[in-house]
Amino acid sequence: MSTRPWTRAWQPVAKAAAEALRRAHGSPRRGAAIEDAQNIIHCGVSIQVSDPPAASLCAEQVAVAGMCVDGSRSPRRLAVIGPPPDGAPPPCGRCLQILIEFGDRVEVRWGTPTAEHGRSTVKKLMPYAFRDYRGGEG
């Protein structure tokens, strides 16, 4: 795994996600932060419940919901933070599908509070996302 310090441009988003991580519920714990086109940061935490596991919420999903509640629909970048040493993995398919509904160019980075472990875009992480073709071409 390649790690590098968070770049200056990503530090505010990573810091917000790291602060959210402290308020996560259950295990595994994750914090997420989305910066929108207006440079407003929206945070989310993972909420893990034991039964049924499908009722758990990923930090990314909670951050997207917060962004929508705040009236934004244009995410630019997402940071996902997990505790050291392993940090957070990239977002799961369910989170990627939710994110791609708002645009496939969203930048995504994941890692620990002090180091980035990976980076990509939503489109590269989920190249064959489901699209609703009922009303259009295809």
N, C-alpha and C. Protein backbone atom coordinates (compact mmCIF):
# COMPACT_ATOMS: atom_id res chain seq x y z
N MET A 1 0.84 -1.17 0.00
CA MET A 1 0.00 0.00 0.00
C MET A 1 0.89 1.24 0.00
N SER A 2 0.60 2.14 -0.90
CA SER A 2 1.35 3.38 -1.00
C SER A 2 0.65 4.45 -0.16
N THR A 3 1.39 5.11 0.70
CA THR A 3 0.81 6.20 1.48
C THR A 3 1.60 7.47 1.25
N ARG A 4 0.91 8.57 1.35
CA ARG A 4 1.54 9.89 1.22
C ARG A 4 0.73 10.86 2.07
N PRO A 5 1.36 11.91 2.56
CA PRO A 5 0.60 12.90 3.34
C PRO A 5 -0.50 13.52 2.48
N TRP A 6 -1.57 13.96 3.13
CA TRP A 6 -2.64 14.64 2.41
C TRP A 6 -2.08 15.93 1.81
N THR A 7 -2.40 16.20 0.56
CA THR A 7 -1.93 17.43 -0.07
C THR A 7 -2.64 18.63 0.56
N ARG A 8 -2.07 19.79 0.37
CA ARG A 8 -2.63 21.02 0.94
C ARG A 8 -4.09 21.21 0.52
N ALA A 9 -4.39 20.97 -0.75
CA ALA A 9 -5.76 21.16 -1.25
C ALA A 9 -6.75 20.21 -0.58
N TRP A 10 -6.28 19.01 -0.21
CA TRP A 10 -7.16 18.02 0.39
C TRP A 10 -7.18 18.08 1.91
N GLN A 11 -6.28 18.80 2.54
CA GLN A 11 -6.20 18.82 4.00
C GLN A 11 -7.51 19.23 4.69
N PRO A 12 -8.22 20.28 4.23
CA PRO A 12 -9.48 20.62 4.91
C PRO A 12 -10.53 19.51 4.85
N VAL A 13 -10.60 18.84 3.71
CA VAL A 13 -11.58 17.76 3.54
C VAL A 13 -11.17 16.56 4.40
N ALA A 14 -9.89 16.20 4.38
CA ALA A 14 -9.40 15.08 5.19
C ALA A 14 -9.56 15.38 6.68
N LYS A 15 -9.29 16.61 7.08
CA LYS A 15 -9.42 16.99 8.50
C LYS A 15 -10.88 16.87 8.95
N ALA A 16 -11.80 17.33 8.12
CA ALA A 16 -13.23 17.23 8.46
C ALA A 16 -13.66 15.76 8.57
N ALA A 17 -13.16 14.92 7.66
CA ALA A 17 -13.49 13.49 7.71
C ALA A 17 -12.89 12.85 8.96
N ALA A 18 -11.68 13.26 9.33
CA ALA A 18 -11.03 12.71 10.54
C ALA A 18 -11.78 13.12 11.79
N GLU A 19 -12.28 14.35 11.83
CA GLU A 19 -13.08 14.79 12.97
C GLU A 19 -14.40 14.00 13.04
N ALA A 20 -14.99 13.73 11.89
CA ALA A 20 -16.22 12.94 11.85
C ALA A 20 -15.96 11.52 12.33
N LEU A 21 -14.81 10.97 12.00
CA LEU A 21 -14.45 9.61 12.41
C LEU A 21 -14.61 9.42 13.92
N ARG A 22 -14.29 10.44 14.69
CA ARG A 22 -14.39 10.35 16.15
C ARG A 22 -15.83 10.15 16.61
N ARG A 23 -16.81 10.48 15.77
CA ARG A 23 -18.21 10.35 16.15
C ARG A 23 -18.91 9.15 15.51
N ALA A 24 -18.14 8.32 14.82
CA ALA A 24 -18.71 7.14 14.16
C ALA A 24 -19.23 6.16 15.21
N HIS A 25 -20.20 5.33 14.80
CA HIS A 25 -20.82 4.37 15.72
C HIS A 25 -20.58 2.94 15.24
N GLY A 26 -20.11 2.09 16.12
CA GLY A 26 -19.89 0.69 15.79
C GLY A 26 -18.53 0.44 15.18
N SER A 27 -18.39 -0.74 14.59
CA SER A 27 -17.11 -1.13 14.00
C SER A 27 -17.40 -1.90 12.71
N PRO A 28 -16.70 -1.63 11.64
CA PRO A 28 -15.58 -0.70 11.49
C PRO A 28 -16.07 0.74 11.46
N ARG A 29 -15.22 1.64 11.93
CA ARG A 29 -15.55 3.06 12.00
C ARG A 29 -14.95 3.80 10.81
N ARG A 30 -15.76 4.72 10.23
CA ARG A 30 -15.30 5.55 9.12
C ARG A 30 -15.85 6.96 9.28
N GLY A 31 -15.11 7.93 8.79
CA GLY A 31 -15.58 9.30 8.68
C GLY A 31 -15.44 9.71 7.22
N ALA A 32 -16.36 10.52 6.74
CA ALA A 32 -16.29 10.98 5.36
C ALA A 32 -16.62 12.46 5.30
N ALA A 33 -16.06 13.12 4.32
CA ALA A 33 -16.37 14.54 4.09
C ALA A 33 -16.42 14.78 2.59
N ILE A 34 -17.45 15.50 2.17
CA ILE A 34 -17.64 15.87 0.77
C ILE A 34 -17.49 17.38 0.66
N GLU A 35 -16.65 17.81 -0.26
CA GLU A 35 -16.57 19.23 -0.57
C GLU A 35 -17.37 19.46 -1.85
N ASP A 36 -18.28 20.43 -1.80
CA ASP A 36 -19.10 20.68 -2.99
C ASP A 36 -18.51 21.80 -3.84
N ALA A 37 -19.19 22.14 -4.91
CA ALA A 37 -18.69 23.14 -5.87
C ALA A 37 -18.57 24.53 -5.25
N GLN A 38 -19.25 24.77 -4.13
CA GLN A 38 -19.15 26.06 -3.45
C GLN A 38 -18.12 26.02 -2.32
N ASN A 39 -17.31 24.96 -2.28
CA ASN A 39 -16.27 24.75 -1.26
C ASN A 39 -16.83 24.56 0.14
N ILE A 40 -18.07 24.12 0.24
CA ILE A 40 -18.68 23.80 1.54
C ILE A 40 -18.44 22.32 1.80
N ILE A 41 -18.03 22.01 3.02
CA ILE A 41 -17.73 20.61 3.38
C ILE A 41 -18.89 20.04 4.20
N HIS A 42 -19.34 18.87 3.78
CA HIS A 42 -20.44 18.15 4.43
C HIS A 42 -19.88 16.83 4.96
N CYS A 43 -20.13 16.54 6.24
CA CYS A 43 -19.53 15.36 6.87
C CYS A 43 -20.53 14.24 7.08
N GLY A 44 -19.99 13.04 7.21
CA GLY A 44 -20.80 11.87 7.53
C GLY A 44 -20.00 10.89 8.34
N VAL A 45 -20.70 10.06 9.09
CA VAL A 45 -20.05 9.02 9.90
C VAL A 45 -20.69 7.67 9.59
N SER A 46 -19.93 6.62 9.79
CA SER A 46 -20.50 5.28 9.63
C SER A 46 -21.35 4.98 10.86
N ILE A 47 -22.46 4.30 10.61
CA ILE A 47 -23.35 3.87 11.68
C ILE A 47 -23.55 2.38 11.49
N GLN A 48 -22.79 1.59 12.21
CA GLN A 48 -22.83 0.14 12.06
C GLN A 48 -23.75 -0.45 13.13
N VAL A 49 -24.75 -1.20 12.69
CA VAL A 49 -25.65 -1.89 13.61
C VAL A 49 -25.48 -3.39 13.42
N SER A 50 -25.74 -4.15 14.46
CA SER A 50 -25.44 -5.57 14.41
C SER A 50 -26.50 -6.39 13.68
N ASP A 51 -27.77 -5.99 13.76
CA ASP A 51 -28.77 -6.85 13.17
C ASP A 51 -29.94 -6.03 12.68
N PRO A 52 -30.31 -6.04 11.44
CA PRO A 52 -29.60 -6.68 10.34
C PRO A 52 -28.45 -5.79 9.85
N PRO A 53 -27.36 -6.39 9.41
CA PRO A 53 -26.22 -5.59 8.94
C PRO A 53 -26.58 -4.65 7.78
N ALA A 54 -27.57 -5.03 6.99
CA ALA A 54 -27.96 -4.18 5.86
C ALA A 54 -28.54 -2.85 6.31
N ALA A 55 -28.90 -2.73 7.59
CA ALA A 55 -29.43 -1.47 8.12
C ALA A 55 -28.31 -0.49 8.45
N SER A 56 -27.06 -0.93 8.38
CA SER A 56 -25.93 -0.04 8.65
C SER A 56 -25.81 1.00 7.55
N LEU A 57 -25.19 2.13 7.90
CA LEU A 57 -24.97 3.20 6.93
C LEU A 57 -23.48 3.49 6.82
N CYS A 58 -23.02 3.64 5.60
CA CYS A 58 -21.63 4.03 5.37
C CYS A 58 -21.48 5.53 5.58
N ALA A 59 -20.30 5.94 5.98
CA ALA A 59 -20.03 7.37 6.19
C ALA A 59 -20.27 8.17 4.92
N GLU A 60 -19.94 7.59 3.78
CA GLU A 60 -20.13 8.28 2.51
C GLU A 60 -21.60 8.58 2.25
N GLN A 61 -22.48 7.61 2.57
CA GLN A 61 -23.91 7.79 2.37
C GLN A 61 -24.45 8.91 3.27
N VAL A 62 -23.98 8.94 4.51
CA VAL A 62 -24.42 9.97 5.45
C VAL A 62 -23.93 11.35 4.99
N ALA A 63 -22.71 11.41 4.47
CA ALA A 63 -22.18 12.69 3.97
C ALA A 63 -22.98 13.18 2.76
N VAL A 64 -23.34 12.28 1.86
CA VAL A 64 -24.15 12.66 0.70
C VAL A 64 -25.52 13.16 1.16
N ALA A 65 -26.11 12.47 2.12
CA ALA A 65 -27.41 12.90 2.65
C ALA A 65 -27.30 14.30 3.27
N GLY A 66 -26.24 14.54 4.03
CA GLY A 66 -26.04 15.86 4.62
C GLY A 66 -25.87 16.93 3.56
N MET A 67 -25.16 16.61 2.50
CA MET A 67 -24.97 17.54 1.40
C MET A 67 -26.34 17.92 0.80
N CYS A 68 -27.18 16.91 0.59
CA CYS A 68 -28.50 17.16 0.01
C CYS A 68 -29.37 17.98 0.97
N VAL A 69 -29.33 17.66 2.25
CA VAL A 69 -30.11 18.41 3.24
C VAL A 69 -29.69 19.88 3.23
N ASP A 70 -28.40 20.12 3.04
CA ASP A 70 -27.89 21.49 3.00
C ASP A 70 -28.17 22.19 1.66
N GLY A 71 -28.80 21.49 0.72
CA GLY A 71 -29.20 22.10 -0.54
C GLY A 71 -28.21 22.01 -1.67
N SER A 72 -27.15 21.24 -1.50
CA SER A 72 -26.15 21.11 -2.55
C SER A 72 -26.39 19.84 -3.36
N ARG A 73 -26.07 19.91 -4.63
CA ARG A 73 -26.19 18.74 -5.51
C ARG A 73 -24.94 18.60 -6.37
N SER A 74 -23.83 19.24 -5.97
CA SER A 74 -22.64 19.22 -6.81
C SER A 74 -21.37 18.90 -6.03
N PRO A 75 -21.19 17.60 -5.71
CA PRO A 75 -19.96 17.21 -5.01
C PRO A 75 -18.75 17.31 -5.94
N ARG A 76 -17.63 17.76 -5.39
CA ARG A 76 -16.37 17.80 -6.16
C ARG A 76 -15.40 16.75 -5.69
N ARG A 77 -15.29 16.62 -4.38
CA ARG A 77 -14.33 15.64 -3.86
C ARG A 77 -14.83 15.05 -2.55
N LEU A 78 -14.39 13.81 -2.33
CA LEU A 78 -14.79 13.04 -1.15
C LEU A 78 -13.55 12.45 -0.52
N ALA A 79 -13.40 12.63 0.79
CA ALA A 79 -12.34 11.97 1.55
C ALA A 79 -13.00 11.00 2.53
N VAL A 80 -12.46 9.79 2.60
CA VAL A 80 -12.94 8.77 3.53
C VAL A 80 -11.78 8.39 4.44
N ILE A 81 -12.00 8.47 5.74
CA ILE A 81 -10.95 8.25 6.72
C ILE A 81 -11.32 7.10 7.65
N GLY A 82 -10.34 6.24 7.91
CA GLY A 82 -10.49 5.18 8.89
C GLY A 82 -9.33 5.25 9.87
N PRO A 83 -9.43 4.53 10.97
CA PRO A 83 -8.36 4.60 11.97
C PRO A 83 -7.07 3.96 11.46
N PRO A 84 -5.93 4.46 11.96
CA PRO A 84 -4.64 3.86 11.60
C PRO A 84 -4.55 2.45 12.17
N PRO A 85 -3.73 1.60 11.64
CA PRO A 85 -2.80 1.85 10.55
C PRO A 85 -3.41 1.62 9.18
N ASP A 86 -4.52 0.88 9.11
CA ASP A 86 -5.07 0.49 7.80
C ASP A 86 -5.86 1.60 7.12
N GLY A 87 -6.52 2.44 7.89
CA GLY A 87 -7.33 3.50 7.30
C GLY A 87 -8.59 2.95 6.65
N ALA A 88 -9.19 3.77 5.83
CA ALA A 88 -10.43 3.39 5.14
C ALA A 88 -10.11 2.77 3.79
N PRO A 89 -10.95 1.84 3.35
CA PRO A 89 -10.83 1.35 1.97
C PRO A 89 -11.56 2.32 1.05
N PRO A 90 -11.48 2.11 -0.27
CA PRO A 90 -12.29 2.94 -1.17
C PRO A 90 -13.78 2.68 -0.89
N PRO A 91 -14.65 3.59 -1.32
CA PRO A 91 -16.08 3.40 -1.09
C PRO A 91 -16.60 2.11 -1.72
N CYS A 92 -17.63 1.56 -1.09
CA CYS A 92 -18.25 0.33 -1.59
C CYS A 92 -19.11 0.65 -2.82
N GLY A 93 -19.59 -0.37 -3.49
CA GLY A 93 -20.40 -0.19 -4.69
C GLY A 93 -21.68 0.58 -4.44
N ARG A 94 -22.32 0.34 -3.30
CA ARG A 94 -23.55 1.07 -2.97
C ARG A 94 -23.25 2.57 -2.84
N CYS A 95 -22.17 2.92 -2.17
CA CYS A 95 -21.80 4.34 -2.02
C CYS A 95 -21.43 4.94 -3.36
N LEU A 96 -20.71 4.19 -4.18
CA LEU A 96 -20.33 4.69 -5.50
C LEU A 96 -21.55 4.95 -6.36
N GLN A 97 -22.54 4.06 -6.29
CA GLN A 97 -23.77 4.25 -7.07
C GLN A 97 -24.49 5.53 -6.63
N ILE A 98 -24.53 5.77 -5.33
CA ILE A 98 -25.16 6.99 -4.83
C ILE A 98 -24.38 8.21 -5.32
N LEU A 99 -23.06 8.18 -5.21
CA LEU A 99 -22.23 9.30 -5.64
C LEU A 99 -22.36 9.58 -7.13
N ILE A 100 -22.40 8.53 -7.93
CA ILE A 100 -22.40 8.71 -9.38
C ILE A 100 -23.70 9.35 -9.87
N GLU A 101 -24.74 9.27 -9.04
CA GLU A 101 -25.99 9.95 -9.38
C GLU A 101 -25.79 11.47 -9.45
N PHE A 102 -24.77 11.97 -8.77
CA PHE A 102 -24.49 13.40 -8.72
C PHE A 102 -23.36 13.80 -9.67
N GLY A 103 -22.75 12.84 -10.31
CA GLY A 103 -21.69 13.14 -11.28
C GLY A 103 -20.56 12.14 -11.17
N ASP A 104 -20.05 11.73 -12.32
CA ASP A 104 -19.02 10.69 -12.32
C ASP A 104 -17.60 11.24 -12.23
N ARG A 105 -17.45 12.55 -12.13
CA ARG A 105 -16.11 13.13 -12.04
C ARG A 105 -15.70 13.46 -10.61
N VAL A 106 -16.49 13.07 -9.64
CA VAL A 106 -16.16 13.33 -8.24
C VAL A 106 -14.82 12.65 -7.93
N GLU A 107 -13.89 13.42 -7.37
CA GLU A 107 -12.60 12.86 -6.96
C GLU A 107 -12.77 12.17 -5.60
N VAL A 108 -12.13 11.03 -5.45
CA VAL A 108 -12.26 10.26 -4.21
C VAL A 108 -10.86 9.91 -3.70
N ARG A 109 -10.65 10.13 -2.41
CA ARG A 109 -9.40 9.72 -1.77
C ARG A 109 -9.73 9.07 -0.44
N TRP A 110 -8.90 8.13 -0.02
CA TRP A 110 -9.14 7.41 1.22
C TRP A 110 -7.83 7.18 1.95
N GLY A 111 -7.95 6.95 3.27
CA GLY A 111 -6.75 6.72 4.08
C GLY A 111 -7.00 6.90 5.56
N THR A 112 -5.99 7.42 6.24
CA THR A 112 -6.03 7.67 7.68
C THR A 112 -6.06 9.19 7.90
N PRO A 113 -6.19 9.64 9.14
CA PRO A 113 -6.17 11.09 9.37
C PRO A 113 -4.89 11.78 8.88
N THR A 114 -3.78 11.08 8.83
CA THR A 114 -2.52 11.72 8.45
C THR A 114 -2.00 11.34 7.07
N ALA A 115 -2.55 10.30 6.46
CA ALA A 115 -1.99 9.84 5.18
C ALA A 115 -3.08 9.37 4.22
N GLU A 116 -2.87 9.72 2.97
CA GLU A 116 -3.72 9.25 1.88
C GLU A 116 -3.19 7.88 1.45
N HIS A 117 -4.11 6.91 1.31
CA HIS A 117 -3.70 5.57 0.88
C HIS A 117 -4.09 5.27 -0.55
N GLY A 118 -5.04 6.02 -1.09
CA GLY A 118 -5.47 5.78 -2.46
C GLY A 118 -6.27 6.94 -3.01
N ARG A 119 -6.35 7.01 -4.35
CA ARG A 119 -7.10 8.08 -5.00
C ARG A 119 -7.63 7.59 -6.33
N SER A 120 -8.78 8.14 -6.71
CA SER A 120 -9.39 7.80 -7.98
C SER A 120 -10.53 8.77 -8.24
N THR A 121 -11.35 8.45 -9.22
CA THR A 121 -12.60 9.16 -9.45
C THR A 121 -13.72 8.15 -9.32
N VAL A 122 -14.93 8.65 -9.13
CA VAL A 122 -16.07 7.75 -9.04
C VAL A 122 -16.19 6.92 -10.31
N LYS A 123 -15.99 7.55 -11.46
CA LYS A 123 -16.14 6.84 -12.74
C LYS A 123 -15.13 5.70 -12.87
N LYS A 124 -13.89 5.92 -12.46
CA LYS A 124 -12.88 4.86 -12.54
C LYS A 124 -13.16 3.74 -11.55
N LEU A 125 -13.72 4.09 -10.40
CA LEU A 125 -14.03 3.06 -9.40
C LEU A 125 -15.28 2.26 -9.77
N MET A 126 -16.16 2.87 -10.57
CA MET A 126 -17.40 2.19 -10.95
C MET A 126 -17.72 2.50 -12.41
N PRO A 127 -16.95 1.91 -13.33
CA PRO A 127 -17.10 2.27 -14.75
C PRO A 127 -18.42 1.84 -15.38
N TYR A 128 -19.08 0.86 -14.80
CA TYR A 128 -20.32 0.36 -15.39
C TYR A 128 -21.50 0.60 -14.46
N ALA A 129 -21.60 1.81 -13.95
CA ALA A 129 -22.68 2.15 -13.02
C ALA A 129 -24.04 2.00 -13.69
N PHE A 130 -25.03 1.64 -12.90
CA PHE A 130 -26.40 1.56 -13.40
C PHE A 130 -26.89 2.95 -13.78
N ARG A 131 -27.56 3.04 -14.90
CA ARG A 131 -28.21 4.28 -15.32
C ARG A 131 -29.67 3.97 -15.60
N ASP A 132 -30.53 4.91 -15.34
CA ASP A 132 -31.95 4.74 -15.61
C ASP A 132 -32.18 5.06 -17.09
N TYR A 133 -32.40 4.05 -17.87
CA TYR A 133 -32.55 4.21 -19.33
C TYR A 133 -34.01 4.29 -19.77
N ARG A 134 -34.94 4.29 -18.84
CA ARG A 134 -36.35 4.27 -19.21
C ARG A 134 -36.79 5.49 -20.02
N GLY A 135 -36.23 6.64 -19.70
CA GLY A 135 -36.72 7.85 -20.35
C GLY A 135 -35.83 8.36 -21.47
N GLY A 136 -34.80 7.64 -21.81
CA GLY A 136 -33.88 8.19 -22.80
C GLY A 136 -33.40 7.16 -23.80
N GLU A 137 -32.27 7.46 -24.36
CA GLU A 137 -31.69 6.58 -25.36
C GLU A 137 -31.10 5.34 -24.71
N GLY A 138 -30.91 4.33 -25.51
CA GLY A 138 -30.13 3.30 -25.03
C GLY A 138 -30.47 1.96 -24.94
